């Protein structure tokens, strides 16, 4: 075998060195990625795991930032966060949005003070220029109001509906402040900011948790709903042998009804369908079709652009008497009375100003009727 020349031998040595370095770097990268993977997998089994990518973590950061603002100058914290995030390569736009979200300086102001810190005098950066006089805190001046606020938070957090927010607490404190001082509110500014109230909620022991319970509506706790629910459960327990049930043991089995099975959720006699605007052209045709299909329509119409004579004609055609109420769907109390009197199975809403030209000639009245009626119906259904 002929001897390899010096140049080719040199090239082989270079290639060996290059591949050895690359393989080492790949092995180190692989080992580090394995370590990161192992590290990332550990929190799943750890009760102290925190998902820092969760959007709700920004609320905790904002609360901590609000607390720090009470202790030191906002400038120091904002510049610290700004310079740190820029150091790790985050964009100016993302940093600006983040600082605004947590209540800090804008990125423009933070960059200006970063320039002072890096390129100018440190004393100029740390100068407070706000004086050194200290004042009593809000709760030092109003300890009784703090007790009322704590009680308010306890009561609101104990409610089933999840509508309580830090702003609700801020508005409660604001209203009580003016009542205690016998003063009249002249502007929209709150005496205690929403950010401060977030810290108060933490001090009072309140904590935000995701709502994982069943869907809830305010109507669930209405007196008439509670009454019907109790009747429903009582009837079921008294006639348990007439329903399909399941045995309560380790291996559940179906228990078949001893007599004729009863269907609780279906009214075999009448199914009422509410037809707002049922005295009009389209509404009256809907009424005829509903009667033909075996339903019992209930017409609600203010007869603004319709007539009760139309319903008389429907009665002649179908041979059925029509339940008709001459009321306006904007009258929410009369709507409630209808829902209390009848068990409404469905709604076909035909109530509206029919002329498109009215949307230009009378826009306020047009949208008040066409949208307001629908909102009132939804309000009565839910609440």
Protein backbone atom coordinates (compact mmCIF):
# COMPACT_ATOMS: atom_id res chain seq x y z
CA UNK A 1 0.00 0.00 0.00
CA UNK A 2 1.55 3.34 -1.00
CA UNK A 3 2.46 5.80 1.71
CA UNK A 4 -0.02 8.66 2.31
CA UNK A 5 1.42 12.05 1.51
CA UNK A 6 1.93 14.65 4.20
CA UNK A 7 -0.92 16.98 3.13
CA UNK A 8 -3.55 14.22 3.13
CA UNK A 9 -2.32 12.98 6.49
CA UNK A 10 -2.62 16.49 7.91
CA UNK A 11 -6.20 16.81 6.62
CA UNK A 12 -7.15 13.52 8.26
CA UNK A 13 -5.82 14.73 11.61
CA UNK A 14 -7.87 17.92 11.32
CA UNK A 15 -11.03 15.97 10.52
CA UNK A 16 -10.48 13.65 13.49
CA UNK A 17 -10.09 16.62 15.84
CA UNK A 18 -13.16 18.35 14.42
CA UNK A 19 -15.40 15.26 14.78
CA UNK A 20 -14.09 14.54 18.25
CA UNK A 21 -14.97 18.07 19.37
CA UNK A 22 -18.41 17.90 17.73
CA UNK A 23 -19.21 14.52 19.29
CA UNK A 24 -18.17 15.81 22.70
CA UNK A 25 -20.38 18.89 22.33
CA UNK A 26 -23.30 16.70 21.20
CA UNK A 27 -22.81 14.38 24.16
CA UNK A 28 -22.66 17.31 26.56
CA UNK A 29 -25.74 18.87 24.95
CA UNK A 30 -27.56 15.55 25.15
CA UNK A 31 -26.60 15.07 28.77
CA UNK A 32 -27.66 18.60 29.63
CA UNK A 33 -30.98 18.15 27.80
CA UNK A 34 -31.49 14.87 29.68
CA UNK A 35 -30.80 16.67 32.93
CA UNK A 36 -33.23 19.44 31.97
CA UNK A 37 -35.82 16.84 31.01
CA UNK A 38 -35.34 15.05 34.31
CA UNK A 39 -35.54 18.37 36.11
CA UNK A 40 -38.69 19.33 34.24
CA UNK A 41 -40.27 16.00 35.02
CA UNK A 42 -39.64 16.28 38.74
CA UNK A 43 -42.13 19.11 39.41
CA UNK A 44 -44.99 16.94 38.23
CA UNK A 45 -44.49 14.79 41.30
CA UNK A 46 -43.70 17.75 43.53
CA UNK A 47 -46.46 19.52 45.44
CA UNK A 48 -44.44 22.75 45.29
CA UNK A 49 -44.50 22.88 41.49
CA UNK A 50 -45.37 26.30 40.00
CA UNK A 51 -46.39 26.79 36.38
CA UNK A 52 -44.72 30.11 35.64
CA UNK A 53 -46.20 30.13 32.13
CA UNK A 54 -49.72 30.36 33.54
CA UNK A 55 -51.25 33.79 32.87
CA UNK A 56 -52.56 33.99 36.45
CA UNK A 57 -48.97 34.21 37.74
CA UNK A 58 -48.92 37.81 36.47
CA UNK A 59 -51.48 38.67 39.17
CA UNK A 60 -49.09 37.42 41.86
CA UNK A 61 -46.22 39.38 40.32
CA UNK A 62 -48.40 42.48 40.24
CA UNK A 63 -49.34 42.08 43.91
CA UNK A 64 -45.69 41.71 44.91
CA UNK A 65 -44.78 44.73 42.80
CA UNK A 66 -47.53 46.77 44.49
CA UNK A 67 -46.15 45.75 47.89
CA UNK A 68 -42.61 46.74 46.88
CA UNK A 69 -43.88 50.12 45.66
CA UNK A 70 -44.99 50.89 49.21
CA UNK A 71 -41.50 50.15 50.52
CA UNK A 72 -39.13 51.58 47.91
CA UNK A 73 -39.18 53.77 44.82
CA UNK A 74 -40.99 52.31 41.82
CA UNK A 75 -38.09 53.43 39.65
CA UNK A 76 -35.64 51.00 41.25
CA UNK A 77 -37.81 47.91 40.71
CA UNK A 78 -38.86 48.91 37.18
CA UNK A 79 -35.27 49.53 36.08
CA UNK A 80 -34.12 46.27 37.70
CA UNK A 81 -36.75 44.27 35.81
CA UNK A 82 -36.17 46.20 32.57
CA UNK A 83 -32.39 45.69 32.54
CA UNK A 84 -32.70 42.02 33.55
CA UNK A 85 -35.22 41.21 30.83
CA UNK A 86 -33.21 43.09 28.20
CA UNK A 87 -30.12 41.20 29.32
CA UNK A 88 -31.89 37.89 28.63
CA UNK A 89 -32.89 39.04 25.15
CA UNK A 90 -36.56 39.95 25.55
CA UNK A 91 -37.94 42.57 23.17
CA UNK A 92 -38.63 46.15 24.20
CA UNK A 93 -42.31 45.78 23.22
CA UNK A 94 -42.85 42.67 25.38
CA UNK A 95 -41.10 44.30 28.35
CA UNK A 96 -43.20 47.45 28.01
CA UNK A 97 -46.43 45.41 28.00
CA UNK A 98 -45.27 43.39 31.02
CA UNK A 99 -44.30 46.47 33.07
CA UNK A 100 -47.61 48.15 32.30
CA UNK A 101 -49.50 45.00 33.34
CA UNK A 102 -47.89 44.80 36.78
CA UNK A 103 -48.12 48.57 37.41
CA UNK A 104 -44.51 49.60 36.80
CA UNK A 105 -42.90 52.32 34.71
CA UNK A 106 -43.17 52.28 30.96
CA UNK A 107 -40.24 50.81 29.07
CA UNK A 108 -39.38 54.32 27.82
CA UNK A 109 -38.98 55.68 31.36
CA UNK A 110 -37.15 52.57 32.51
CA UNK A 111 -34.69 52.89 29.61
CA UNK A 112 -34.09 56.55 30.43
CA UNK A 113 -33.21 55.73 34.04
CA UNK A 114 -31.13 52.75 32.90
CA UNK A 115 -29.06 55.21 30.86
CA UNK A 116 -28.59 57.35 33.97
CA UNK A 117 -27.48 54.30 35.97
CA UNK A 118 -25.05 52.94 33.38
CA UNK A 119 -23.62 56.08 31.78
CA UNK A 120 -24.03 58.77 34.42
CA UNK A 121 -23.93 59.26 38.19
CA UNK A 122 -25.22 56.55 40.54
CA UNK A 123 -26.26 59.19 43.09
CA UNK A 124 -28.44 60.86 40.48
CA UNK A 125 -30.17 57.54 39.86
CA UNK A 126 -30.80 56.82 43.55
CA UNK A 127 -31.94 60.36 44.45
CA UNK A 128 -35.47 60.07 45.82
CA UNK A 129 -36.52 63.74 45.47
CA UNK A 130 -39.70 62.92 47.36
CA UNK A 131 -38.81 64.12 50.84
CA UNK A 132 -38.28 62.01 53.91
CA UNK A 133 -41.46 62.69 55.88
CA UNK A 134 -43.51 59.63 56.75
CA UNK A 135 -47.30 59.55 57.15
CA UNK A 136 -49.72 57.12 58.79
CA UNK A 137 -51.14 54.47 56.48
CA UNK A 138 -54.79 54.47 55.45
CA UNK A 139 -55.68 51.68 57.89
CA UNK A 140 -53.86 53.46 60.74
CA UNK A 141 -56.31 56.34 60.30
CA UNK A 142 -59.40 54.14 59.83
CA UNK A 143 -59.04 50.92 61.89
CA UNK A 144 -62.82 50.45 62.18
CA UNK A 145 -63.17 50.65 58.42
CA UNK A 146 -60.53 47.92 58.11
CA UNK A 147 -62.66 45.63 60.30
CA UNK A 148 -65.68 46.35 58.09
CA UNK A 149 -63.61 45.61 55.00
CA UNK A 150 -62.49 42.26 56.46
CA UNK A 151 -66.10 41.36 57.25
CA UNK A 152 -67.17 42.39 53.75
CA UNK A 153 -64.49 40.17 52.17
CA UNK A 154 -65.52 37.21 54.34
CA UNK A 155 -69.19 37.56 53.38
CA UNK A 156 -68.51 38.00 49.66
CA UNK A 157 -66.09 35.08 49.47
CA UNK A 158 -68.59 32.79 51.18
CA UNK A 159 -71.19 33.37 48.45
CA UNK A 160 -71.73 30.75 45.77
CA UNK A 161 -71.53 33.19 42.86
CA UNK A 162 -67.97 33.99 41.75
CA UNK A 163 -68.42 37.73 41.12
CA UNK A 164 -66.31 39.27 43.90
CA UNK A 165 -63.21 41.20 42.75
CA UNK A 166 -60.65 43.59 44.21
CA UNK A 167 -62.56 46.41 42.54
CA UNK A 168 -65.68 45.43 44.53
CA UNK A 169 -63.68 45.85 47.74
CA UNK A 170 -62.27 49.19 46.53
CA UNK A 171 -65.77 50.51 45.81
CA UNK A 172 -67.06 49.29 49.19
CA UNK A 173 -64.22 51.08 51.01
CA UNK A 174 -64.81 54.20 48.92
CA UNK A 175 -68.54 54.29 49.74
CA UNK A 176 -68.00 53.68 53.48
CA UNK A 177 -65.22 56.31 53.61
CA UNK A 178 -67.55 59.05 52.38
CA UNK A 179 -70.34 57.86 54.68
CA UNK A 180 -68.10 57.90 57.76
CA UNK A 181 -66.75 61.35 56.97
CA UNK A 182 -70.16 62.69 55.91
CA UNK A 183 -68.67 63.89 52.63
CA UNK A 184 -70.01 64.00 49.09
CA UNK A 185 -68.01 62.30 46.34
CA UNK A 186 -67.10 64.79 43.60
CA UNK A 187 -64.81 62.72 41.34
CA UNK A 188 -64.35 59.16 40.10
CA UNK A 189 -61.06 58.49 41.90
CA UNK A 190 -61.18 55.80 44.59
CA UNK A 191 -59.82 56.58 48.07
CA UNK A 192 -57.96 53.26 47.98
CA UNK A 193 -56.67 51.94 44.68
CA UNK A 194 -57.55 48.53 43.26
CA UNK A 195 -53.87 47.53 43.50
CA UNK A 196 -53.81 48.33 47.23
CA UNK A 197 -57.04 46.37 47.69
CA UNK A 198 -55.40 43.34 46.05
CA UNK A 199 -52.75 43.47 48.77
CA UNK A 200 -55.48 43.91 51.39
CA UNK A 201 -57.17 40.75 50.13
CA UNK A 202 -53.92 38.83 50.61
CA UNK A 203 -53.51 40.28 54.11
CA UNK A 204 -57.12 39.33 54.92
CA UNK A 205 -56.41 35.73 53.88
CA UNK A 206 -58.36 35.72 50.60
CA UNK A 207 -56.79 33.86 47.69
CA UNK A 208 -57.79 33.45 44.07
CA UNK A 209 -58.44 29.88 42.94
CA UNK A 210 -59.81 28.67 39.63
CA UNK A 211 -63.51 27.80 39.69
CA UNK A 212 -63.72 24.07 38.95
CA UNK A 213 -67.25 23.57 40.25
CA UNK A 214 -70.40 23.06 38.23
CA UNK A 215 -71.84 25.97 36.22
CA UNK A 216 -73.83 28.29 38.48
CA UNK A 217 -76.55 30.83 37.80
CA UNK A 218 -78.08 33.30 40.22
CA UNK A 219 -81.48 31.82 39.41
CA UNK A 220 -80.50 28.60 41.23
CA UNK A 221 -81.10 30.30 44.58
CA UNK A 222 -84.38 32.02 43.70
CA UNK A 223 -87.13 31.23 46.22
CA UNK A 224 -89.48 29.76 43.60
CA UNK A 225 -86.68 27.64 42.12
CA UNK A 226 -85.77 26.28 45.57
CA UNK A 227 -89.42 25.48 46.25
CA UNK A 228 -89.88 23.56 42.98
CA UNK A 229 -86.57 21.77 43.47
CA UNK A 230 -87.63 20.56 46.92
CA UNK A 231 -90.98 19.39 45.54
CA UNK A 232 -89.20 17.56 42.72
CA UNK A 233 -86.84 15.72 45.10
CA UNK A 234 -89.63 14.94 47.57
CA UNK A 235 -91.83 13.46 44.84
CA UNK A 236 -88.94 11.36 43.57
CA UNK A 237 -88.16 9.93 47.03
CA UNK A 238 -91.82 9.13 47.73
CA UNK A 239 -92.19 7.27 44.40
CA UNK A 240 -88.72 5.74 44.15
CA UNK A 241 -90.09 2.35 43.07
CA UNK A 242 -91.57 3.91 39.92
CA UNK A 243 -88.20 5.03 38.52
CA UNK A 244 -85.04 3.50 37.15
CA UNK A 245 -82.41 3.65 39.91
CA UNK A 246 -78.99 2.18 40.67
CA UNK A 247 -78.05 0.10 43.69
CA UNK A 248 -75.64 1.67 46.17
CA UNK A 249 -72.93 -0.98 46.53
CA UNK A 250 -69.49 -1.93 45.21
CA UNK A 251 -70.94 -3.28 41.93
CA UNK A 252 -73.91 -1.03 41.03
CA UNK A 253 -76.82 -2.65 39.21
CA UNK A 254 -79.90 -1.20 37.56
CA UNK A 255 -83.13 -1.41 39.58
CA UNK A 256 -86.13 -1.50 37.27
CA UNK A 257 -89.42 0.19 38.24
CA UNK A 258 -92.02 -2.11 39.76
CA UNK A 259 -94.91 -0.29 38.15
CA UNK A 260 -95.26 1.95 35.11
CA UNK A 261 -92.19 4.16 34.70
CA UNK A 262 -92.74 7.88 35.27
CA UNK A 263 -90.92 10.59 33.31
CA UNK A 264 -90.43 13.60 35.57
CA UNK A 265 -88.96 16.04 33.05
CA UNK A 266 -91.74 15.90 30.49
CA UNK A 267 -95.23 17.43 30.80
CA UNK A 268 -97.45 15.06 28.84
CA UNK A 269 -100.39 17.50 28.87
CA UNK A 270 -99.14 20.84 27.52
CA UNK A 271 -95.88 22.26 26.30
CA UNK A 272 -96.09 26.04 26.34
CA UNK A 273 -94.14 27.98 23.71
CA UNK A 274 -93.83 31.74 24.20
CA UNK A 275 -94.19 33.73 20.95
CA UNK A 276 -93.32 37.44 21.44
CA UNK A 277 -94.68 39.33 18.43
CA UNK A 278 -97.09 36.48 17.66
CA UNK A 279 -99.88 38.77 16.43
CA UNK A 280 -97.88 39.88 13.39
CA UNK A 281 -97.65 38.30 9.94
CA UNK A 282 -94.71 35.97 10.64
CA UNK A 283 -95.68 35.41 14.28
CA UNK A 284 -99.24 34.33 13.46
CA UNK A 285 -97.96 31.74 10.97
CA UNK A 286 -95.62 30.42 13.69
CA UNK A 287 -98.61 30.12 16.03
CA UNK A 288 -100.53 28.04 13.47
CA UNK A 289 -97.56 25.71 12.93
CA UNK A 290 -97.05 25.30 16.69
CA UNK A 291 -100.70 24.35 17.24
CA UNK A 292 -100.51 21.90 14.33
CA UNK A 293 -97.41 20.31 15.92
CA UNK A 294 -99.23 19.87 19.24
CA UNK A 295 -97.76 22.76 21.23
CA UNK A 296 -99.64 25.44 23.17
CA UNK A 297 -98.48 28.91 22.06
CA UNK A 298 -98.60 31.95 24.34
CA UNK A 299 -98.64 35.18 22.34
CA UNK A 300 -97.09 38.35 23.76
CA UNK A 301 -97.58 41.44 21.58
CA UNK A 302 -98.04 45.17 22.21
CA UNK A 303 -99.91 45.42 18.86
CA UNK A 304 -97.69 48.30 17.74
CA UNK A 305 -97.65 47.09 14.13
CA UNK A 306 -100.09 44.16 14.41
CA UNK A 307 -103.67 43.47 15.43
CA UNK A 308 -105.56 41.08 17.68
CA UNK A 309 -107.91 40.43 14.74
CA UNK A 310 -105.14 38.35 13.23
CA UNK A 311 -105.25 36.00 16.23
CA UNK A 312 -109.05 35.74 15.93
CA UNK A 313 -108.52 34.51 12.40
CA UNK A 314 -105.95 31.99 13.69
CA UNK A 315 -108.51 30.71 16.20
CA UNK A 316 -111.02 30.20 13.38
CA UNK A 317 -108.46 28.28 11.31
CA UNK A 318 -107.17 26.05 14.10
CA UNK A 319 -110.28 25.79 16.25
CA UNK A 320 -108.17 26.53 19.35
CA UNK A 321 -108.33 29.45 21.74
CA UNK A 322 -105.09 31.46 21.75
CA UNK A 323 -103.52 32.63 25.01
CA UNK A 324 -102.74 36.27 24.26
CA UNK A 325 -101.20 39.01 26.42
CA UNK A 326 -101.17 42.60 25.19
CA UNK A 327 -97.91 43.65 26.81
CA UNK A 328 -94.58 45.03 25.65
CA UNK A 329 -91.48 42.84 25.94
CA UNK A 330 -89.67 45.89 27.31
CA UNK A 331 -91.95 45.55 30.37
CA UNK A 332 -89.82 43.02 32.23
CA UNK A 333 -92.12 42.69 35.26
CA UNK A 334 -95.08 41.53 33.17
CA UNK A 335 -92.76 39.09 31.41
CA UNK A 336 -91.74 37.68 34.79
CA UNK A 337 -95.40 37.16 35.71
CA UNK A 338 -95.95 35.07 32.57
CA UNK A 339 -92.94 32.88 33.39
CA UNK A 340 -94.25 32.42 36.94
CA UNK A 341 -97.69 31.40 35.70
CA UNK A 342 -96.60 29.01 32.94
CA UNK A 343 -93.82 26.46 32.59
CA UNK A 344 -92.34 27.75 29.32
CA UNK A 345 -90.94 24.96 27.14
CA UNK A 346 -89.44 27.15 24.38
CA UNK A 347 -89.43 30.68 22.93
CA UNK A 348 -89.79 31.86 19.33
CA UNK A 349 -89.02 35.58 19.39
CA UNK A 350 -90.72 37.51 16.56
CA UNK A 351 -90.96 40.82 18.44
CA UNK A 352 -89.15 43.53 16.47
CA UNK A 353 -89.61 46.66 14.42
CA UNK A 354 -89.90 45.07 10.98
CA UNK A 355 -89.06 48.02 8.71
CA UNK A 356 -85.36 48.34 7.91
CA UNK A 357 -85.92 52.02 7.16
CA UNK A 358 -86.77 52.57 10.82
CA UNK A 359 -83.17 51.70 11.72
CA UNK A 360 -82.19 54.97 9.99
CA UNK A 361 -85.24 57.09 10.78
CA UNK A 362 -85.55 56.04 14.44
CA UNK A 363 -82.28 54.28 15.30
CA UNK A 364 -82.58 54.51 19.10
CA UNK A 365 -86.14 53.18 19.17
CA UNK A 366 -85.31 50.54 16.55
CA UNK A 367 -82.42 49.00 18.49
CA UNK A 368 -84.14 49.50 21.84
CA UNK A 369 -86.97 47.26 20.67
CA UNK A 370 -85.04 44.72 18.63
CA UNK A 371 -82.20 44.21 21.12
CA UNK A 372 -83.87 45.28 24.38
CA UNK A 373 -86.67 42.73 24.00
CA UNK A 374 -84.20 39.90 23.53
CA UNK A 375 -82.13 41.00 26.54
CA UNK A 376 -85.25 41.15 28.72
CA UNK A 377 -86.22 37.62 27.69
CA UNK A 378 -82.74 36.33 28.49
CA UNK A 379 -82.78 38.15 31.84
CA UNK A 380 -86.09 36.59 32.84
CA UNK A 381 -84.89 33.12 31.79
CA UNK A 382 -81.62 33.27 33.74
CA UNK A 383 -82.59 35.35 36.75
